[in-house]
Amino acid sequence: ERMSSVYHINRFAEDGDEYPVRVFIMKDIVT
């Protein structure tokens, strides 16, 4: 949603380089 609002496109091809995301939640603090 964030990327769509900036790049003004609804569908992303996602055919470029890899950007793996990791999420840690500790005592309700999200990193």
All heavy atoms as atom14 arrays in JSON, in Angstrom:
{
  "sequence": "ERMSSVYHINRFAEDGDEYPVRVFIMKDIVT",
  "atom14_mask": [
    [1, 1, 1, 1, 1, 1, 1, 1, 1, 0, 0, 0, 0, 0],
    [1, 1, 1, 1, 1, 1, 1, 1, 1, 1, 1, 0, 0, 0],
    [1, 1, 1, 1, 1, 1, 1, 1, 0, 0, 0, 0, 0, 0],
    [1, 1, 1, 1, 1, 1, 0, 0, 0, 0, 0, 0, 0, 0],
    [1, 1, 1, 1, 1, 1, 0, 0, 0, 0, 0, 0, 0, 0],
    [1, 1, 1, 1, 1, 1, 1, 0, 0, 0, 0, 0, 0, 0],
    [1, 1, 1, 1, 1, 1, 1, 1, 1, 1, 1, 1, 0, 0],
    [1, 1, 1, 1, 1, 1, 1, 1, 1, 1, 0, 0, 0, 0],
    [1, 1, 1, 1, 1, 1, 1, 1, 0, 0, 0, 0, 0, 0],
    [1, 1, 1, 1, 1, 1, 1, 1, 0, 0, 0, 0, 0, 0],
    [1, 1, 1, 1, 1, 1, 1, 1, 1, 1, 1, 0, 0, 0],
    [1, 1, 1, 1, 1, 1, 1, 1, 1, 1, 1, 0, 0, 0],
    [1, 1, 1, 1, 1, 0, 0, 0, 0, 0, 0, 0, 0, 0],
    [1, 1, 1, 1, 1, 1, 1, 1, 1, 0, 0, 0, 0, 0],
    [1, 1, 1, 1, 1, 1, 1, 1, 0, 0, 0, 0, 0, 0],
    [1, 1, 1, 1, 0, 0, 0, 0, 0, 0, 0, 0, 0, 0],
    [1, 1, 1, 1, 1, 1, 1, 1, 0, 0, 0, 0, 0, 0],
    [1, 1, 1, 1, 1, 1, 1, 1, 1, 0, 0, 0, 0, 0],
    [1, 1, 1, 1, 1, 1, 1, 1, 1, 1, 1, 1, 0, 0],
    [1, 1, 1, 1, 1, 1, 1, 0, 0, 0, 0, 0, 0, 0],
    [1, 1, 1, 1, 1, 1, 1, 0, 0, 0, 0, 0, 0, 0],
    [1, 1, 1, 1, 1, 1, 1, 1, 1, 1, 1, 0, 0, 0],
    [1, 1, 1, 1, 1, 1, 1, 0, 0, 0, 0, 0, 0, 0],
    [1, 1, 1, 1, 1, 1, 1, 1, 1, 1, 1, 0, 0, 0],
    [1, 1, 1, 1, 1, 1, 1, 1, 0, 0, 0, 0, 0, 0],
    [1, 1, 1, 1, 1, 1, 1, 1, 0, 0, 0, 0, 0, 0],
    [1, 1, 1, 1, 1, 1, 1, 1, 1, 0, 0, 0, 0, 0],
    [1, 1, 1, 1, 1, 1, 1, 1, 0, 0, 0, 0, 0, 0],
    [1, 1, 1, 1, 1, 1, 1, 1, 0, 0, 0, 0, 0, 0],
    [1, 1, 1, 1, 1, 1, 1, 0, 0, 0, 0, 0, 0, 0],
    [1, 1, 1, 1, 1, 1, 1, 0, 0, 0, 0, 0, 0, 0]
  ],
  "atom14_positions": [
    [[0.83, -1.21, 0.0], [0.0, 0.0, 0.0], [0.87, 1.27, 0.0], [0.6, 2.24, -0.71], [-0.92, 0.0, 1.22], [-2.01, -1.05, 1.18], [-3.1, -0.76, 0.15], [-3.33, 0.43, -0.14], [-3.68, -1.72, -0.38], [0.0, 0.0, 0.0], [0.0, 0.0, 0.0], [0.0, 0.0, 0.0], [0.0, 0.0, 0.0], [0.0, 0.0, 0.0]],
    [[1.92, 1.25, 0.79], [2.83, 2.41, 0.85], [3.51, 2.63, -0.5], [3.55, 3.75, -1.02], [3.88, 2.19, 1.94], [5.01, 3.21, 1.96], [4.59, 4.51, 2.6], [5.59, 5.56, 2.46], [5.75, 6.55, 3.33], [5.0, 6.61, 4.41], [6.64, 7.48, 3.11], [0.0, 0.0, 0.0], [0.0, 0.0, 0.0], [0.0, 0.0, 0.0]],
    [[4.01, 1.56, -1.07], [4.7, 1.66, -2.37], [3.72, 2.09, -3.46], [4.06, 2.89, -4.34], [5.33, 0.32, -2.72], [6.41, -0.14, -1.74], [8.0, 0.61, -2.05], [8.57, -0.41, -3.4], [0.0, 0.0, 0.0], [0.0, 0.0, 0.0], [0.0, 0.0, 0.0], [0.0, 0.0, 0.0], [0.0, 0.0, 0.0], [0.0, 0.0, 0.0]],
    [[2.49, 1.59, -3.41], [1.48, 1.95, -4.41], [1.17, 3.44, -4.36], [1.03, 4.1, -5.4], [0.18, 1.16, -4.17], [0.37, -0.2, -4.41], [0.0, 0.0, 0.0], [0.0, 0.0, 0.0], [0.0, 0.0, 0.0], [0.0, 0.0, 0.0], [0.0, 0.0, 0.0], [0.0, 0.0, 0.0], [0.0, 0.0, 0.0], [0.0, 0.0, 0.0]],
    [[1.07, 3.97, -3.14], [0.72, 5.38, -2.99], [1.84, 6.29, -3.5], [1.58, 7.41, -3.96], [0.4, 5.7, -1.53], [1.58, 5.63, -0.74], [0.0, 0.0, 0.0], [0.0, 0.0, 0.0], [0.0, 0.0, 0.0], [0.0, 0.0, 0.0], [0.0, 0.0, 0.0], [0.0, 0.0, 0.0], [0.0, 0.0, 0.0], [0.0, 0.0, 0.0]],
    [[3.08, 5.82, -3.44], [4.23, 6.63, -3.88], [4.45, 6.48, -5.39], [4.65, 7.46, -6.1], [5.5, 6.25, -3.1], [6.72, 6.94, -3.68], [5.34, 6.57, -1.62], [0.0, 0.0, 0.0], [0.0, 0.0, 0.0], [0.0, 0.0, 0.0], [0.0, 0.0, 0.0], [0.0, 0.0, 0.0], [0.0, 0.0, 0.0], [0.0, 0.0, 0.0]],
    [[4.41, 5.22, -5.88], [4.73, 4.96, -7.28], [3.5, 5.03, -8.19], [3.61, 4.93, -9.41], [5.4, 3.59, -7.42], [6.82, 3.56, -6.89], [7.17, 2.74, -5.82], [7.82, 4.34, -7.46], [8.47, 2.71, -5.33], [9.11, 4.32, -6.99], [9.44, 3.5, -5.91], [10.73, 3.48, -5.43], [0.0, 0.0, 0.0], [0.0, 0.0, 0.0]],
    [[2.29, 5.19, -7.56], [1.03, 5.33, -8.32], [0.79, 4.15, -9.26], [0.39, 4.33, -10.41], [0.99, 6.66, -9.09], [1.28, 7.84, -8.21], [0.46, 8.22, -7.16], [2.32, 8.71, -8.2], [0.97, 9.27, -6.55], [2.11, 9.59, -7.17], [0.0, 0.0, 0.0], [0.0, 0.0, 0.0], [0.0, 0.0, 0.0], [0.0, 0.0, 0.0]],
    [[1.07, 2.96, -8.77], [0.72, 1.74, -9.51], [0.08, 0.76, -8.53], [0.4, 0.75, -7.34], [1.93, 1.08, -10.21], [3.1, 0.89, -9.23], [2.37, 1.86, -11.43], [4.27, 0.14, -9.83], [0.0, 0.0, 0.0], [0.0, 0.0, 0.0], [0.0, 0.0, 0.0], [0.0, 0.0, 0.0], [0.0, 0.0, 0.0], [0.0, 0.0, 0.0]],
    [[-0.84, -0.04, -9.05], [-1.57, -0.96, -8.17], [-0.94, -2.34, -8.1], [-1.09, -3.05, -7.11], [-3.03, -1.1, -8.64], [-3.78, 0.2, -8.46], [-3.57, 0.91, -7.48], [-4.63, 0.54, -9.44], [0.0, 0.0, 0.0], [0.0, 0.0, 0.0], [0.0, 0.0, 0.0], [0.0, 0.0, 0.0], [0.0, 0.0, 0.0], [0.0, 0.0, 0.0]],
    [[-0.26, -2.73, -9.17], [0.36, -4.06, -9.17], [1.87, -3.92, -9.35], [2.33, -3.18, -10.22], [-0.22, -4.94, -10.29], [-1.65, -5.38, -10.04], [-2.12, -6.31, -11.14], [-1.36, -7.56, -11.17], [-1.63, -8.59, -10.38], [-2.61, -8.53, -9.5], [-0.92, -9.7, -10.47], [0.0, 0.0, 0.0], [0.0, 0.0, 0.0], [0.0, 0.0, 0.0]],
    [[2.6, -4.66, -8.55], [4.06, -4.63, -8.65], [4.53, -5.94, -9.3], [4.13, -7.03, -8.87], [4.7, -4.49, -7.26], [4.53, -3.11, -6.68], [3.44, -2.81, -5.89], [5.45, -2.1, -6.95], [3.25, -1.55, -5.36], [5.27, -0.82, -6.44], [4.18, -0.55, -5.65], [0.0, 0.0, 0.0], [0.0, 0.0, 0.0], [0.0, 0.0, 0.0]],
    [[5.39, -5.82, -10.29], [5.9, -7.03, -10.97], [6.77, -7.86, -10.03], [6.8, -9.08, -10.11], [6.68, -6.64, -12.22], [0.0, 0.0, 0.0], [0.0, 0.0, 0.0], [0.0, 0.0, 0.0], [0.0, 0.0, 0.0], [0.0, 0.0, 0.0], [0.0, 0.0, 0.0], [0.0, 0.0, 0.0], [0.0, 0.0, 0.0], [0.0, 0.0, 0.0]],
    [[7.47, -7.17, -9.13], [8.39, -7.84, -8.2], [9.34, -8.8, -8.92], [9.55, -9.94, -8.51], [7.62, -8.57, -7.08], [6.86, -7.62, -6.16], [6.48, -8.24, -4.83], [7.32, -8.93, -4.24], [5.33, -8.04, -4.4], [0.0, 0.0, 0.0], [0.0, 0.0, 0.0], [0.0, 0.0, 0.0], [0.0, 0.0, 0.0], [0.0, 0.0, 0.0]],
    [[9.91, -8.32, -10.01], [10.84, -9.16, -10.79], [12.28, -8.63, -10.69], [13.14, -8.99, -11.48], [10.39, -9.24, -12.25], [10.2, -7.86, -12.89], [10.48, -6.83, -12.21], [9.79, -7.79, -14.06], [0.0, 0.0, 0.0], [0.0, 0.0, 0.0], [0.0, 0.0, 0.0], [0.0, 0.0, 0.0], [0.0, 0.0, 0.0], [0.0, 0.0, 0.0]],
    [[12.53, -7.77, -9.7], [13.88, -7.22, -9.52], [14.65, -7.95, -8.43], [14.44, -9.14, -8.2], [0.0, 0.0, 0.0], [0.0, 0.0, 0.0], [0.0, 0.0, 0.0], [0.0, 0.0, 0.0], [0.0, 0.0, 0.0], [0.0, 0.0, 0.0], [0.0, 0.0, 0.0], [0.0, 0.0, 0.0], [0.0, 0.0, 0.0], [0.0, 0.0, 0.0]],
    [[15.52, -7.22, -7.77], [16.37, -7.82, -6.75], [15.59, -8.14, -5.48], [14.54, -7.55, -5.21], [17.54, -6.88, -6.42], [18.45, -6.68, -7.62], [18.73, -7.68, -8.3], [18.86, -5.54, -7.89], [0.0, 0.0, 0.0], [0.0, 0.0, 0.0], [0.0, 0.0, 0.0], [0.0, 0.0, 0.0], [0.0, 0.0, 0.0], [0.0, 0.0, 0.0]],
    [[16.13, -9.07, -4.69], [15.44, -9.55, -3.5], [15.69, -8.65, -2.3], [16.83, -8.25, -2.05], [15.89, -10.98, -3.16], [15.53, -11.99, -4.23], [15.95, -13.41, -3.85], [16.66, -13.57, -2.82], [15.56, -14.35, -4.56], [0.0, 0.0, 0.0], [0.0, 0.0, 0.0], [0.0, 0.0, 0.0], [0.0, 0.0, 0.0], [0.0, 0.0, 0.0]],
    [[14.63, -8.4, -1.55], [14.7, -7.63, -0.3], [13.92, -8.39, 0.78], [12.75, -8.1, 1.01], [14.11, -6.23, -0.5], [14.94, -5.32, -1.38], [14.9, -5.43, -2.77], [15.77, -4.35, -0.82], [15.65, -4.6, -3.58], [16.54, -3.51, -1.63], [16.47, -3.65, -3.0], [17.24, -2.82, -3.8], [0.0, 0.0, 0.0], [0.0, 0.0, 0.0]],
    [[14.54, -9.38, 1.42], [13.82, -10.16, 2.43], [13.59, -9.32, 3.69], [14.5, -8.66, 4.18], [14.75, -11.35, 2.73], [15.93, -11.2, 1.83], [15.91, -9.84, 1.22], [0.0, 0.0, 0.0], [0.0, 0.0, 0.0], [0.0, 0.0, 0.0], [0.0, 0.0, 0.0], [0.0, 0.0, 0.0], [0.0, 0.0, 0.0], [0.0, 0.0, 0.0]],
    [[12.37, -9.38, 4.21], [11.97, -8.59, 5.38], [11.85, -9.52, 6.58], [11.37, -10.66, 6.46], [10.6, -7.91, 5.12], [10.17, -7.07, 6.32], [10.66, -7.06, 3.86], [0.0, 0.0, 0.0], [0.0, 0.0, 0.0], [0.0, 0.0, 0.0], [0.0, 0.0, 0.0], [0.0, 0.0, 0.0], [0.0, 0.0, 0.0], [0.0, 0.0, 0.0]],
    [[12.29, -9.04, 7.75], [12.11, -9.79, 9.0], [11.44, -8.9, 10.03], [11.73, -7.71, 10.11], [13.46, -10.29, 9.53], [14.02, -11.43, 8.68], [15.28, -12.02, 9.26], [15.64, -13.19, 8.49], [15.88, -14.4, 8.99], [15.8, -14.6, 10.29], [16.2, -15.41, 8.22], [0.0, 0.0, 0.0], [0.0, 0.0, 0.0], [0.0, 0.0, 0.0]],
    [[10.54, -9.5, 10.81], [9.78, -8.77, 11.82], [10.03, -9.42, 13.18], [9.92, -10.64, 13.32], [8.27, -8.81, 11.5], [7.48, -8.01, 12.55], [7.99, -8.29, 10.1], [0.0, 0.0, 0.0], [0.0, 0.0, 0.0], [0.0, 0.0, 0.0], [0.0, 0.0, 0.0], [0.0, 0.0, 0.0], [0.0, 0.0, 0.0], [0.0, 0.0, 0.0]],
    [[10.39, -8.59, 14.18], [10.54, -9.04, 15.56], [9.56, -8.24, 16.41], [9.52, -7.02, 16.31], [11.95, -8.75, 16.11], [13.08, -9.2, 15.22], [13.61, -8.36, 14.25], [13.63, -10.47, 15.38], [14.66, -8.77, 13.45], [14.68, -10.88, 14.58], [15.19, -10.03, 13.6], [0.0, 0.0, 0.0], [0.0, 0.0, 0.0], [0.0, 0.0, 0.0]],
    [[8.76, -8.93, 17.24], [7.87, -8.22, 18.17], [8.21, -8.69, 19.58], [8.12, -9.87, 19.89], [6.38, -8.47, 17.86], [6.07, -8.18, 16.39], [5.5, -7.58, 18.77], [4.63, -8.39, 15.98], [0.0, 0.0, 0.0], [0.0, 0.0, 0.0], [0.0, 0.0, 0.0], [0.0, 0.0, 0.0], [0.0, 0.0, 0.0], [0.0, 0.0, 0.0]],
    [[8.65, -7.75, 20.41], [9.04, -8.05, 21.78], [8.32, -7.09, 22.72], [8.49, -5.87, 22.58], [10.56, -7.92, 21.92], [11.07, -8.14, 23.33], [10.81, -9.84, 23.86], [12.05, -10.0, 25.12], [0.0, 0.0, 0.0], [0.0, 0.0, 0.0], [0.0, 0.0, 0.0], [0.0, 0.0, 0.0], [0.0, 0.0, 0.0], [0.0, 0.0, 0.0]],
    [[7.5, -7.62, 23.61], [6.72, -6.79, 24.54], [5.96, -5.69, 23.8], [5.98, -4.52, 24.2], [7.63, -6.17, 25.62], [8.28, -7.2, 26.54], [9.09, -6.5, 27.6], [9.83, -7.5, 28.48], [10.76, -6.86, 29.42], [0.0, 0.0, 0.0], [0.0, 0.0, 0.0], [0.0, 0.0, 0.0], [0.0, 0.0, 0.0], [0.0, 0.0, 0.0]],
    [[5.33, -6.08, 22.67], [4.49, -5.2, 21.85], [5.27, -4.13, 21.08], [4.67, -3.25, 20.46], [3.38, -4.54, 22.68], [2.47, -5.57, 23.34], [2.12, -6.57, 22.67], [2.14, -5.4, 24.53], [0.0, 0.0, 0.0], [0.0, 0.0, 0.0], [0.0, 0.0, 0.0], [0.0, 0.0, 0.0], [0.0, 0.0, 0.0], [0.0, 0.0, 0.0]],
    [[6.6, -4.18, 21.11], [7.41, -3.27, 20.29], [7.81, -4.02, 19.02], [8.45, -5.07, 19.08], [8.68, -2.78, 21.03], [8.3, -2.03, 22.3], [9.53, -1.91, 20.11], [7.5, -0.76, 22.08], [0.0, 0.0, 0.0], [0.0, 0.0, 0.0], [0.0, 0.0, 0.0], [0.0, 0.0, 0.0], [0.0, 0.0, 0.0], [0.0, 0.0, 0.0]],
    [[7.39, -3.47, 17.88], [7.64, -4.09, 16.58], [8.91, -3.5, 15.97], [9.04, -2.28, 15.88], [6.46, -3.84, 15.61], [6.72, -4.51, 14.26], [5.15, -4.32, 16.22], [0.0, 0.0, 0.0], [0.0, 0.0, 0.0], [0.0, 0.0, 0.0], [0.0, 0.0, 0.0], [0.0, 0.0, 0.0], [0.0, 0.0, 0.0], [0.0, 0.0, 0.0]],
    [[9.84, -4.37, 15.58], [11.04, -3.94, 14.85], [11.0, -4.6, 13.49], [10.86, -5.83, 13.39], [12.32, -4.35, 15.6], [12.27, -3.86, 16.94], [13.56, -3.8, 14.91], [0.0, 0.0, 0.0], [0.0, 0.0, 0.0], [0.0, 0.0, 0.0], [0.0, 0.0, 0.0], [0.0, 0.0, 0.0], [0.0, 0.0, 0.0], [0.0, 0.0, 0.0]]
  ]
}
